[in-house]
Amino acid sequence: MGLVMKAHNPVECSRKKDNRVWSLYNDSLVKRMEELLDLNSLKHAMKDLREQNRGKNGRPFIVPDGVIEIFARIRAVFNASFRTLESLLRIMGDILGIPGISYTSIFRRIRKIRVPEILNPSVSIAVDSTGFKTTIRGDWLSDKWGRKRRGWIKLHASVDTESVAAQKIVITTEHMHDAPVFPHLVTGNEDKVFADKAYDSRKIFNMLGRNGTDAIIPLRKNFRTIARGSPLRHITARQIRNLGEDEWKRIHGYGKRWIAEIYFSGLKRVMGEVIKARKPEYISQEVGMKVLYYNVMRQNTRAYA
């Protein structure tokens, strides 16, 4: 019997690897920026400004909050400086009939914007952390001139495994470990939590057990099957010992933990990974606004029919 070779069809092979509808996906990438920076909301800017100044003590605002919100989004997406935002306001002022204000006023107004504590409530989350740079100086220059780097800002996040959007976030220094931050990333209403071995602790397992949440967290290599005050971790240890770690991961769908990595990759690729602020409170706000507005963009992204 002769050997029958099947012709290679690159179209069929690509469909097996990626089922995205590219026309739909490309169009959504364009539209999501249109919706994020929608200027139609500014049609009634002067009316909103009058309402905003009603009953205000002191000097009245001359630029409505809607314009400041748009500029905050521009800064988060494009890493625009405040002086660049002042230039844009001068250009827009001729169109909207709004007088310009200095970049320092824009700075103070943007710094008053607050990021909500819970961004996207979810019942299935993946928890992880990533880092943001606090300087744009390259590693080569740092090595050449022996300058000490300013360190990293660490973003801890719980990510919805269905919508791929952040649920809760915490911003810390690079020296903070992952496990102590975990309680601040859950709401207590989750059905499943996926995390890596950095979150293997009895405190975390016990907290998830009290909430009735499935803890899909593999254990460290030197784990023991003795309960030691953590029944849920004991059950996980017995399952991994009996099934093997690879089979345990397959049965529990542990691959969904990579949703957090996918989210972080897209966040840095779209919003940038350099934070220009210097004060801790401003750094936290800038990272939070990147996450907040990237969530908005994710909600308006469509890749599958």
C-alpha atoms as a PDB file:
ATOM      1  CA  MET A   1       0.000   0.000   0.000  1.00  0.00           C
ATOM      2  CA  GLY A   2       1.462   3.324  -1.085  1.00  0.00           C
ATOM      3  CA  LEU A   3       1.997   6.206   1.268  1.00  0.00           C
ATOM      4  CA  VAL A   4      -0.683   8.882   0.812  1.00  0.00           C
ATOM      5  CA  MET A   5       0.407  12.400   1.668  1.00  0.00           C
ATOM      6  CA  LYS A   6      -2.182  15.038   2.416  1.00  0.00           C
ATOM      7  CA  ALA A   7      -1.597  18.352   0.691  1.00  0.00           C
ATOM      8  CA  HIS A   8      -0.646  21.176   3.060  1.00  0.00           C
ATOM      9  CA  ASN A   9      -3.381  23.794   3.207  1.00  0.00           C
ATOM     10  CA  PRO A  10      -2.115  26.880   5.038  1.00  0.00           C
ATOM     11  CA  VAL A  11      -5.643  28.286   5.291  1.00  0.00           C
ATOM     12  CA  GLU A  12      -6.967  25.189   7.033  1.00  0.00           C
ATOM     13  CA  CYS A  13      -3.923  25.035   9.294  1.00  0.00           C
ATOM     14  CA  SER A  14      -4.298  28.669  10.286  1.00  0.00           C
ATOM     15  CA  ARG A  15      -7.970  28.158  11.058  1.00  0.00           C
ATOM     16  CA  LYS A  16      -7.090  25.347  13.410  1.00  0.00           C
ATOM     17  CA  LYS A  17      -4.641  27.574  15.245  1.00  0.00           C
ATOM     18  CA  ASP A  18      -6.634  30.796  15.279  1.00  0.00           C
ATOM     19  CA  ASN A  19     -10.403  31.033  14.840  1.00  0.00           C
ATOM     20  CA  ARG A  20     -10.606  34.795  14.982  1.00  0.00           C
ATOM     21  CA  VAL A  21     -12.705  36.558  12.371  1.00  0.00           C
ATOM     22  CA  TRP A  22     -10.098  39.079  11.318  1.00  0.00           C
ATOM     23  CA  SER A  23     -12.456  41.517   9.624  1.00  0.00           C
ATOM     24  CA  LEU A  24     -14.533  41.689  12.823  1.00  0.00           C
ATOM     25  CA  TYR A  25     -11.464  41.850  15.037  1.00  0.00           C
ATOM     26  CA  ASN A  26      -9.716  44.602  13.063  1.00  0.00           C
ATOM     27  CA  ASP A  27     -12.890  46.701  12.945  1.00  0.00           C
ATOM     28  CA  SER A  28     -13.374  46.356  16.711  1.00  0.00           C
ATOM     29  CA  LEU A  29      -9.797  47.512  17.355  1.00  0.00           C
ATOM     30  CA  VAL A  30     -10.581  50.725  15.482  1.00  0.00           C
ATOM     31  CA  LYS A  31     -13.998  51.258  17.044  1.00  0.00           C
ATOM     32  CA  ARG A  32     -12.831  50.675  20.609  1.00  0.00           C
ATOM     33  CA  MET A  33     -10.532  53.692  20.371  1.00  0.00           C
ATOM     34  CA  GLU A  34     -13.376  55.740  18.887  1.00  0.00           C
ATOM     35  CA  GLU A  35     -15.557  54.844  21.858  1.00  0.00           C
ATOM     36  CA  LEU A  36     -12.812  55.428  24.413  1.00  0.00           C
ATOM     37  CA  LEU A  37     -12.076  58.914  23.055  1.00  0.00           C
ATOM     38  CA  ASP A  38     -15.657  59.729  22.031  1.00  0.00           C
ATOM     39  CA  LEU A  39     -15.943  63.491  21.593  1.00  0.00           C
ATOM     40  CA  ASN A  40     -19.715  63.369  21.088  1.00  0.00           C
ATOM     41  CA  SER A  41     -20.051  63.560  24.855  1.00  0.00           C
ATOM     42  CA  LEU A  42     -18.659  67.091  24.636  1.00  0.00           C
ATOM     43  CA  LYS A  43     -21.502  68.496  22.525  1.00  0.00           C
ATOM     44  CA  HIS A  44     -23.145  69.818  25.667  1.00  0.00           C
ATOM     45  CA  ALA A  45     -19.880  70.777  27.336  1.00  0.00           C
ATOM     46  CA  MET A  46     -20.868  74.364  28.126  1.00  0.00           C
ATOM     47  CA  LYS A  47     -24.189  73.252  29.634  1.00  0.00           C
ATOM     48  CA  ASP A  48     -22.351  70.714  31.779  1.00  0.00           C
ATOM     49  CA  LEU A  49     -19.915  73.434  32.806  1.00  0.00           C
ATOM     50  CA  ARG A  50     -22.737  75.640  34.074  1.00  0.00           C
ATOM     51  CA  GLU A  51     -24.103  72.759  36.139  1.00  0.00           C
ATOM     52  CA  GLN A  52     -20.637  71.972  37.433  1.00  0.00           C
ATOM     53  CA  ASN A  53     -20.129  75.552  38.633  1.00  0.00           C
ATOM     54  CA  ARG A  54     -23.567  75.836  40.245  1.00  0.00           C
ATOM     55  CA  GLY A  55     -23.037  76.464  43.952  1.00  0.00           C
ATOM     56  CA  LYS A  56     -19.244  76.135  43.684  1.00  0.00           C
ATOM     57  CA  ASN A  57     -17.202  78.191  46.118  1.00  0.00           C
ATOM     58  CA  GLY A  58     -14.198  80.081  44.814  1.00  0.00           C
ATOM     59  CA  ARG A  59     -13.048  80.552  41.259  1.00  0.00           C
ATOM     60  CA  PRO A  60     -15.347  78.769  38.756  1.00  0.00           C
ATOM     61  CA  PHE A  61     -14.144  76.063  36.409  1.00  0.00           C
ATOM     62  CA  ILE A  62     -13.719  77.151  32.803  1.00  0.00           C
ATOM     63  CA  VAL A  63     -13.199  73.632  31.404  1.00  0.00           C
ATOM     64  CA  PRO A  64     -15.850  70.924  32.061  1.00  0.00           C
ATOM     65  CA  ASP A  65     -15.039  67.573  33.661  1.00  0.00           C
ATOM     66  CA  GLY A  66     -15.899  65.770  30.413  1.00  0.00           C
ATOM     67  CA  VAL A  67     -12.939  67.377  28.652  1.00  0.00           C
ATOM     68  CA  ILE A  68     -10.605  66.529  31.539  1.00  0.00           C
ATOM     69  CA  GLU A  69     -11.800  62.914  31.424  1.00  0.00           C
ATOM     70  CA  ILE A  70     -10.991  62.700  27.715  1.00  0.00           C
ATOM     71  CA  PHE A  71      -7.520  64.103  28.366  1.00  0.00           C
ATOM     72  CA  ALA A  72      -6.965  61.598  31.176  1.00  0.00           C
ATOM     73  CA  ARG A  73      -7.708  58.807  28.699  1.00  0.00           C
ATOM     74  CA  ILE A  74      -5.360  60.294  26.107  1.00  0.00           C
ATOM     75  CA  ARG A  75      -2.583  60.431  28.698  1.00  0.00           C
ATOM     76  CA  ALA A  76      -3.215  56.831  29.808  1.00  0.00           C
ATOM     77  CA  VAL A  77      -3.218  55.412  26.271  1.00  0.00           C
ATOM     78  CA  PHE A  78      -0.526  57.523  24.597  1.00  0.00           C
ATOM     79  CA  ASN A  79       1.606  58.488  27.623  1.00  0.00           C
ATOM     80  CA  ALA A  80       1.140  62.134  26.620  1.00  0.00           C
ATOM     81  CA  SER A  81       2.787  64.766  28.790  1.00  0.00           C
ATOM     82  CA  PHE A  82       0.680  67.444  30.486  1.00  0.00           C
ATOM     83  CA  ARG A  83       2.198  70.120  28.236  1.00  0.00           C
ATOM     84  CA  THR A  84       1.054  68.087  25.227  1.00  0.00           C
ATOM     85  CA  LEU A  85      -2.434  68.002  26.728  1.00  0.00           C
ATOM     86  CA  GLU A  86      -2.363  71.797  27.043  1.00  0.00           C
ATOM     87  CA  SER A  87      -1.538  72.024  23.333  1.00  0.00           C
ATOM     88  CA  LEU A  88      -4.429  69.710  22.478  1.00  0.00           C
ATOM     89  CA  LEU A  89      -6.797  71.781  24.596  1.00  0.00           C
ATOM     90  CA  ARG A  90      -5.818  74.921  22.687  1.00  0.00           C
ATOM     91  CA  ILE A  91      -6.615  73.138  19.429  1.00  0.00           C
ATOM     92  CA  MET A  92      -9.930  71.773  20.737  1.00  0.00           C
ATOM     93  CA  GLY A  93     -10.811  75.116  22.292  1.00  0.00           C
ATOM     94  CA  ASP A  94     -11.300  76.701  18.889  1.00  0.00           C
ATOM     95  CA  ILE A  95     -13.728  73.919  17.949  1.00  0.00           C
ATOM     96  CA  LEU A  96     -15.645  73.619  21.243  1.00  0.00           C
ATOM     97  CA  GLY A  97     -15.512  77.266  22.232  1.00  0.00           C
ATOM     98  CA  ILE A  98     -13.687  76.447  25.469  1.00  0.00           C
ATOM     99  CA  PRO A  99     -10.863  78.660  26.740  1.00  0.00           C
ATOM    100  CA  GLY A 100      -7.494  77.032  27.321  1.00  0.00           C
ATOM    101  CA  ILE A 101      -5.986  76.352  30.731  1.00  0.00           C
ATOM    102  CA  SER A 102      -2.391  75.690  31.743  1.00  0.00           C
ATOM    103  CA  TYR A 103      -0.888  72.223  31.981  1.00  0.00           C
ATOM    104  CA  THR A 104      -0.642  72.640  35.769  1.00  0.00           C
ATOM    105  CA  SER A 105      -4.420  73.078  35.968  1.00  0.00           C
ATOM    106  CA  ILE A 106      -4.902  70.013  33.770  1.00  0.00           C
ATOM    107  CA  PHE A 107      -2.527  68.141  36.081  1.00  0.00           C
ATOM    108  CA  ARG A 108      -4.488  69.057  39.204  1.00  0.00           C
ATOM    109  CA  ARG A 109      -7.850  68.193  37.620  1.00  0.00           C
ATOM    110  CA  ILE A 110      -6.683  64.786  36.358  1.00  0.00           C
ATOM    111  CA  ARG A 111      -5.187  63.928  39.746  1.00  0.00           C
ATOM    112  CA  LYS A 112      -8.648  64.270  41.297  1.00  0.00           C
ATOM    113  CA  ILE A 113     -10.035  61.374  39.226  1.00  0.00           C
ATOM    114  CA  ARG A 114     -10.560  58.256  41.345  1.00  0.00           C
ATOM    115  CA  VAL A 115     -10.297  54.654  40.136  1.00  0.00           C
ATOM    116  CA  PRO A 116     -13.129  52.446  41.504  1.00  0.00           C
ATOM    117  CA  GLU A 117     -12.151  49.689  43.934  1.00  0.00           C
ATOM    118  CA  ILE A 118     -13.998  46.934  42.084  1.00  0.00           C
ATOM    119  CA  LEU A 119     -13.643  47.281  38.325  1.00  0.00           C
ATOM    120  CA  ASN A 120     -15.367  44.179  36.999  1.00  0.00           C
ATOM    121  CA  PRO A 121     -17.134  41.728  39.410  1.00  0.00           C
ATOM    122  CA  SER A 122     -16.525  38.114  38.374  1.00  0.00           C
ATOM    123  CA  VAL A 123     -17.204  34.538  39.510  1.00  0.00           C
ATOM    124  CA  SER A 124     -14.081  33.019  37.927  1.00  0.00           C
ATOM    125  CA  ILE A 125     -10.754  34.811  38.213  1.00  0.00           C
ATOM    126  CA  ALA A 126      -7.050  34.303  37.565  1.00  0.00           C
ATOM    127  CA  VAL A 127      -4.676  36.031  39.989  1.00  0.00           C
ATOM    128  CA  ASP A 128      -1.130  37.139  39.231  1.00  0.00           C
ATOM    129  CA  SER A 129       1.202  40.151  39.243  1.00  0.00           C
ATOM    130  CA  THR A 130       3.407  42.053  36.813  1.00  0.00           C
ATOM    131  CA  GLY A 131       5.790  45.007  36.862  1.00  0.00           C
ATOM    132  CA  PHE A 132       5.815  48.528  35.378  1.00  0.00           C
ATOM    133  CA  LYS A 133       8.909  50.631  34.778  1.00  0.00           C
ATOM    134  CA  THR A 134       9.284  53.992  36.465  1.00  0.00           C
ATOM    135  CA  THR A 135      11.907  55.317  34.047  1.00  0.00           C
ATOM    136  CA  ILE A 136      12.352  55.380  30.271  1.00  0.00           C
ATOM    137  CA  ARG A 137      16.147  55.151  30.560  1.00  0.00           C
ATOM    138  CA  GLY A 138      17.416  52.050  28.771  1.00  0.00           C
ATOM    139  CA  ASP A 139      19.368  49.257  30.452  1.00  0.00           C
ATOM    140  CA  TRP A 140      22.393  49.992  28.240  1.00  0.00           C
ATOM    141  CA  LEU A 141      22.664  53.577  29.506  1.00  0.00           C
ATOM    142  CA  SER A 142      22.177  52.406  33.075  1.00  0.00           C
ATOM    143  CA  ASP A 143      24.994  49.875  32.742  1.00  0.00           C
ATOM    144  CA  LYS A 144      27.275  52.292  30.892  1.00  0.00           C
ATOM    145  CA  TRP A 145      27.030  55.115  33.390  1.00  0.00           C
ATOM    146  CA  GLY A 146      26.457  52.982  36.466  1.00  0.00           C
ATOM    147  CA  ARG A 147      23.190  54.652  37.353  1.00  0.00           C
ATOM    148  CA  LYS A 148      20.990  52.873  39.837  1.00  0.00           C
ATOM    149  CA  ARG A 149      17.592  51.996  38.429  1.00  0.00           C
ATOM    150  CA  ARG A 150      14.554  53.435  40.131  1.00  0.00           C
ATOM    151  CA  GLY A 151      12.895  50.058  40.558  1.00  0.00           C
ATOM    152  CA  TRP A 152       9.591  48.640  39.472  1.00  0.00           C
ATOM    153  CA  ILE A 153       5.984  49.206  40.368  1.00  0.00           C
ATOM    154  CA  LYS A 154       4.170  45.944  40.930  1.00  0.00           C
ATOM    155  CA  LEU A 155       0.594  45.513  39.745  1.00  0.00           C
ATOM    156  CA  HIS A 156      -1.358  42.711  41.419  1.00  0.00           C
ATOM    157  CA  ALA A 157      -4.627  41.875  39.674  1.00  0.00           C
ATOM    158  CA  SER A 158      -7.484  39.407  39.586  1.00  0.00           C
ATOM    159  CA  VAL A 159      -8.680  38.914  36.003  1.00  0.00           C
ATOM    160  CA  ASP A 160     -12.046  37.619  34.807  1.00  0.00           C
ATOM    161  CA  THR A 161     -11.352  34.381  32.908  1.00  0.00           C
ATOM    162  CA  GLU A 162     -14.341  34.966  30.597  1.00  0.00           C
ATOM    163  CA  SER A 163     -14.187  38.664  29.675  1.00  0.00           C
ATOM    164  CA  VAL A 164     -10.395  38.974  30.221  1.00  0.00           C
ATOM    165  CA  ALA A 165     -10.852  42.179  32.218  1.00  0.00           C
ATOM    166  CA  ALA A 166      -9.397  43.083  35.607  1.00  0.00           C
ATOM    167  CA  GLN A 167     -11.713  42.665  38.588  1.00  0.00           C
ATOM    168  CA  LYS A 168      -9.615  44.214  41.368  1.00  0.00           C
ATOM    169  CA  ILE A 169      -6.091  45.622  41.482  1.00  0.00           C
ATOM    170  CA  VAL A 170      -3.472  46.502  44.078  1.00  0.00           C
ATOM    171  CA  ILE A 171      -0.315  48.524  43.359  1.00  0.00           C
ATOM    172  CA  THR A 172       2.779  47.957  45.512  1.00  0.00           C
ATOM    173  CA  THR A 173       6.549  48.252  45.322  1.00  0.00           C
ATOM    174  CA  GLU A 174       8.616  45.522  43.687  1.00  0.00           C
ATOM    175  CA  HIS A 175       9.561  44.091  47.089  1.00  0.00           C
ATOM    176  CA  MET A 176       6.016  43.058  48.051  1.00  0.00           C
ATOM    177  CA  HIS A 177       5.348  39.323  47.762  1.00  0.00           C
ATOM    178  CA  ASP A 178       2.233  38.050  46.011  1.00  0.00           C
ATOM    179  CA  ALA A 179       0.565  36.000  48.764  1.00  0.00           C
ATOM    180  CA  PRO A 180      -0.002  38.841  51.319  1.00  0.00           C
ATOM    181  CA  VAL A 181      -1.851  40.897  48.691  1.00  0.00           C
ATOM    182  CA  PHE A 182      -4.212  38.073  47.675  1.00  0.00           C
ATOM    183  CA  PRO A 183      -7.046  38.885  50.160  1.00  0.00           C
ATOM    184  CA  HIS A 184      -7.405  42.333  48.566  1.00  0.00           C
ATOM    185  CA  LEU A 185      -7.924  40.843  45.073  1.00  0.00           C
ATOM    186  CA  VAL A 186     -11.034  38.772  45.798  1.00  0.00           C
ATOM    187  CA  THR A 187     -14.577  39.804  46.662  1.00  0.00           C
ATOM    188  CA  GLY A 188     -15.686  36.549  48.319  1.00  0.00           C
ATOM    189  CA  ASN A 189     -18.278  35.867  45.616  1.00  0.00           C
ATOM    190  CA  GLU A 190     -16.032  33.887  43.253  1.00  0.00           C
ATOM    191  CA  ASP A 191     -16.734  30.272  42.315  1.00  0.00           C
ATOM    192  CA  LYS A 192     -13.203  29.530  41.100  1.00  0.00           C
ATOM    193  CA  VAL A 193      -9.805  31.123  41.630  1.00  0.00           C
ATOM    194  CA  PHE A 194      -6.787  30.186  39.497  1.00  0.00           C
ATOM    195  CA  ALA A 195      -3.302  31.102  40.721  1.00  0.00           C
ATOM    196  CA  ASP A 196       0.272  29.798  40.569  1.00  0.00           C
ATOM    197  CA  LYS A 197       2.440  28.321  43.321  1.00  0.00           C
ATOM    198  CA  ALA A 198       3.352  31.743  44.702  1.00  0.00           C
ATOM    199  CA  TYR A 199      -0.133  31.764  46.283  1.00  0.00           C
ATOM    200  CA  ASP A 200       0.259  28.356  47.965  1.00  0.00           C
ATOM    201  CA  SER A 201      -0.435  29.208  51.599  1.00  0.00           C
ATOM    202  CA  ARG A 202      -2.799  27.803  54.221  1.00  0.00           C
ATOM    203  CA  LYS A 203      -4.190  31.263  54.900  1.00  0.00           C
ATOM    204  CA  ILE A 204      -5.280  31.645  51.270  1.00  0.00           C
ATOM    205  CA  PHE A 205      -6.735  28.125  51.070  1.00  0.00           C
ATOM    206  CA  ASN A 206      -8.650  28.636  54.314  1.00  0.00           C
ATOM    207  CA  MET A 207     -10.055  31.976  53.141  1.00  0.00           C
ATOM    208  CA  LEU A 208     -11.245  30.464  49.855  1.00  0.00           C
ATOM    209  CA  GLY A 209     -12.653  27.464  51.735  1.00  0.00           C
ATOM    210  CA  ARG A 210     -14.750  29.730  53.971  1.00  0.00           C
ATOM    211  CA  ASN A 211     -16.079  31.497  50.874  1.00  0.00           C
ATOM    212  CA  GLY A 212     -16.987  28.202  49.212  1.00  0.00           C
ATOM    213  CA  THR A 213     -14.572  28.923  46.373  1.00  0.00           C
ATOM    214  CA  ASP A 214     -12.677  26.284  44.401  1.00  0.00           C
ATOM    215  CA  ALA A 215      -8.953  26.948  44.827  1.00  0.00           C
ATOM    216  CA  ILE A 216      -7.183  25.884  41.623  1.00  0.00           C
ATOM    217  CA  ILE A 217      -3.710  26.494  43.054  1.00  0.00           C
ATOM    218  CA  PRO A 218      -0.898  23.934  42.626  1.00  0.00           C
ATOM    219  CA  LEU A 219       1.331  23.256  45.614  1.00  0.00           C
ATOM    220  CA  ARG A 220       5.061  23.689  46.003  1.00  0.00           C
ATOM    221  CA  LYS A 221       7.357  20.757  45.292  1.00  0.00           C
ATOM    222  CA  ASN A 222       8.027  19.988  48.946  1.00  0.00           C
ATOM    223  CA  PHE A 223       4.332  19.825  49.933  1.00  0.00           C
ATOM    224  CA  ARG A 224       3.016  17.284  52.435  1.00  0.00           C
ATOM    225  CA  THR A 225      -0.454  15.746  52.571  1.00  0.00           C
ATOM    226  CA  ILE A 226      -0.905  16.494  56.282  1.00  0.00           C
ATOM    227  CA  ALA A 227      -3.779  18.975  56.805  1.00  0.00           C
ATOM    228  CA  ARG A 228      -2.173  21.157  59.508  1.00  0.00           C
ATOM    229  CA  GLY A 229      -5.236  23.343  59.906  1.00  0.00           C
ATOM    230  CA  SER A 230      -6.112  23.660  56.203  1.00  0.00           C
ATOM    231  CA  PRO A 231      -8.660  21.063  55.028  1.00  0.00           C
ATOM    232  CA  LEU A 232      -8.960  22.488  51.517  1.00  0.00           C
ATOM    233  CA  ARG A 233      -5.207  22.457  50.984  1.00  0.00           C
ATOM    234  CA  HIS A 234      -5.130  18.904  52.354  1.00  0.00           C
ATOM    235  CA  ILE A 235      -7.673  17.803  49.714  1.00  0.00           C
ATOM    236  CA  THR A 236      -5.622  19.464  46.964  1.00  0.00           C
ATOM    237  CA  ALA A 237      -2.435  17.800  48.226  1.00  0.00           C
ATOM    238  CA  ARG A 238      -4.045  14.345  48.190  1.00  0.00           C
ATOM    239  CA  GLN A 239      -5.407  14.873  44.678  1.00  0.00           C
ATOM    240  CA  ILE A 240      -2.031  15.983  43.302  1.00  0.00           C
ATOM    241  CA  ARG A 241      -0.250  13.099  45.043  1.00  0.00           C
ATOM    242  CA  ASN A 242      -2.706  10.544  43.634  1.00  0.00           C
ATOM    243  CA  LEU A 243      -3.183  11.948  40.131  1.00  0.00           C
ATOM    244  CA  GLY A 244       0.112  13.677  39.473  1.00  0.00           C
ATOM    245  CA  GLU A 245       0.368  17.444  38.973  1.00  0.00           C
ATOM    246  CA  ASP A 246      -0.101  17.418  35.187  1.00  0.00           C
ATOM    247  CA  GLU A 247      -3.289  15.353  35.351  1.00  0.00           C
ATOM    248  CA  TRP A 248      -4.599  17.442  38.247  1.00  0.00           C
ATOM    249  CA  LYS A 249      -4.065  20.608  36.193  1.00  0.00           C
ATOM    250  CA  ARG A 250      -5.840  19.094  33.198  1.00  0.00           C
ATOM    251  CA  ILE A 251      -8.884  17.985  35.220  1.00  0.00           C
ATOM    252  CA  HIS A 252      -9.300  21.355  36.943  1.00  0.00           C
ATOM    253  CA  GLY A 253      -8.665  23.472  33.827  1.00  0.00           C
ATOM    254  CA  TYR A 254      -5.589  25.091  35.326  1.00  0.00           C
ATOM    255  CA  GLY A 255      -4.687  26.473  31.895  1.00  0.00           C
ATOM    256  CA  LYS A 256      -7.130  29.335  32.571  1.00  0.00           C
ATOM    257  CA  ARG A 257      -4.519  30.813  34.892  1.00  0.00           C
ATOM    258  CA  TRP A 258      -2.765  32.058  31.746  1.00  0.00           C
ATOM    259  CA  ILE A 259      -5.671  34.465  31.212  1.00  0.00           C
ATOM    260  CA  ALA A 260      -3.913  36.773  33.683  1.00  0.00           C
ATOM    261  CA  GLU A 261      -0.703  36.619  31.620  1.00  0.00           C
ATOM    262  CA  ILE A 262      -2.673  37.335  28.453  1.00  0.00           C
ATOM    263  CA  TYR A 263      -4.287  40.339  30.118  1.00  0.00           C
ATOM    264  CA  PHE A 264      -0.965  41.759  31.335  1.00  0.00           C
ATOM    265  CA  SER A 265       0.594  41.278  27.900  1.00  0.00           C
ATOM    266  CA  GLY A 266      -2.216  43.186  26.190  1.00  0.00           C
ATOM    267  CA  LEU A 267      -2.240  45.887  28.872  1.00  0.00           C
ATOM    268  CA  LYS A 268       1.447  46.686  28.399  1.00  0.00           C
ATOM    269  CA  ARG A 269       1.341  46.375  24.630  1.00  0.00           C
ATOM    270  CA  VAL A 270      -1.615  48.763  24.256  1.00  0.00           C
ATOM    271  CA  MET A 271      -1.169  51.146  27.209  1.00  0.00           C
ATOM    272  CA  GLY A 272       2.619  51.037  27.594  1.00  0.00           C
ATOM    273  CA  GLU A 273       4.654  49.804  30.551  1.00  0.00           C
ATOM    274  CA  VAL A 274       6.405  53.027  31.609  1.00  0.00           C
ATOM    275  CA  ILE A 275       4.953  55.149  34.418  1.00  0.00           C
ATOM    276  CA  LYS A 276       5.993  58.808  34.325  1.00  0.00           C
ATOM    277  CA  ALA A 277       4.676  59.855  37.748  1.00  0.00           C
ATOM    278  CA  ARG A 278       7.054  60.049  40.696  1.00  0.00           C
ATOM    279  CA  LYS A 279       4.937  60.406  43.845  1.00  0.00           C
ATOM    280  CA  PRO A 280       3.496  57.094  45.144  1.00  0.00           C
ATOM    281  CA  GLU A 281      -0.119  58.292  45.046  1.00  0.00           C
ATOM    282  CA  TYR A 282       0.278  59.537  41.465  1.00  0.00           C
ATOM    283  CA  ILE A 283       1.977  56.288  40.416  1.00  0.00           C
ATOM    284  CA  SER A 284      -0.935  54.284  41.808  1.00  0.00           C
ATOM    285  CA  GLN A 285      -3.413  56.496  39.975  1.00  0.00           C
ATOM    286  CA  GLU A 286      -1.627  56.217  36.626  1.00  0.00           C
ATOM    287  CA  VAL A 287      -1.418  52.423  36.801  1.00  0.00           C
ATOM    288  CA  GLY A 288      -5.049  52.260  37.914  1.00  0.00           C
ATOM    289  CA  MET A 289      -6.187  54.469  35.036  1.00  0.00           C
ATOM    290  CA  LYS A 290      -4.313  52.319  32.526  1.00  0.00           C
ATOM    291  CA  VAL A 291      -6.146  49.266  33.860  1.00  0.00           C
ATOM    292  CA  LEU A 292      -9.498  51.071  34.000  1.00  0.00           C
ATOM    293  CA  TYR A 293      -9.364  52.329  30.413  1.00  0.00           C
ATOM    294  CA  TYR A 294      -7.895  49.090  29.076  1.00  0.00           C
ATOM    295  CA  ASN A 295     -10.898  47.305  30.586  1.00  0.00           C
ATOM    296  CA  VAL A 296     -13.134  49.638  28.580  1.00  0.00           C
ATOM    297  CA  MET A 297     -11.210  48.786  25.421  1.00  0.00           C
ATOM    298  CA  ARG A 298     -11.415  45.032  26.153  1.00  0.00           C
ATOM    299  CA  GLN A 299     -15.185  45.268  26.492  1.00  0.00           C
ATOM    300  CA  ASN A 300     -15.409  46.766  23.022  1.00  0.00           C
ATOM    301  CA  THR A 301     -13.131  44.180  21.388  1.00  0.00           C
ATOM    302  CA  ARG A 302     -14.749  41.447  19.274  1.00  0.00           C
ATOM    303  CA  ALA A 303     -12.753  38.641  17.680  1.00  0.00           C
ATOM    304  CA  TYR A 304     -15.232  35.803  17.194  1.00  0.00           C
ATOM    305  CA  ALA A 305     -18.547  35.660  15.388  1.00  0.00           C
END
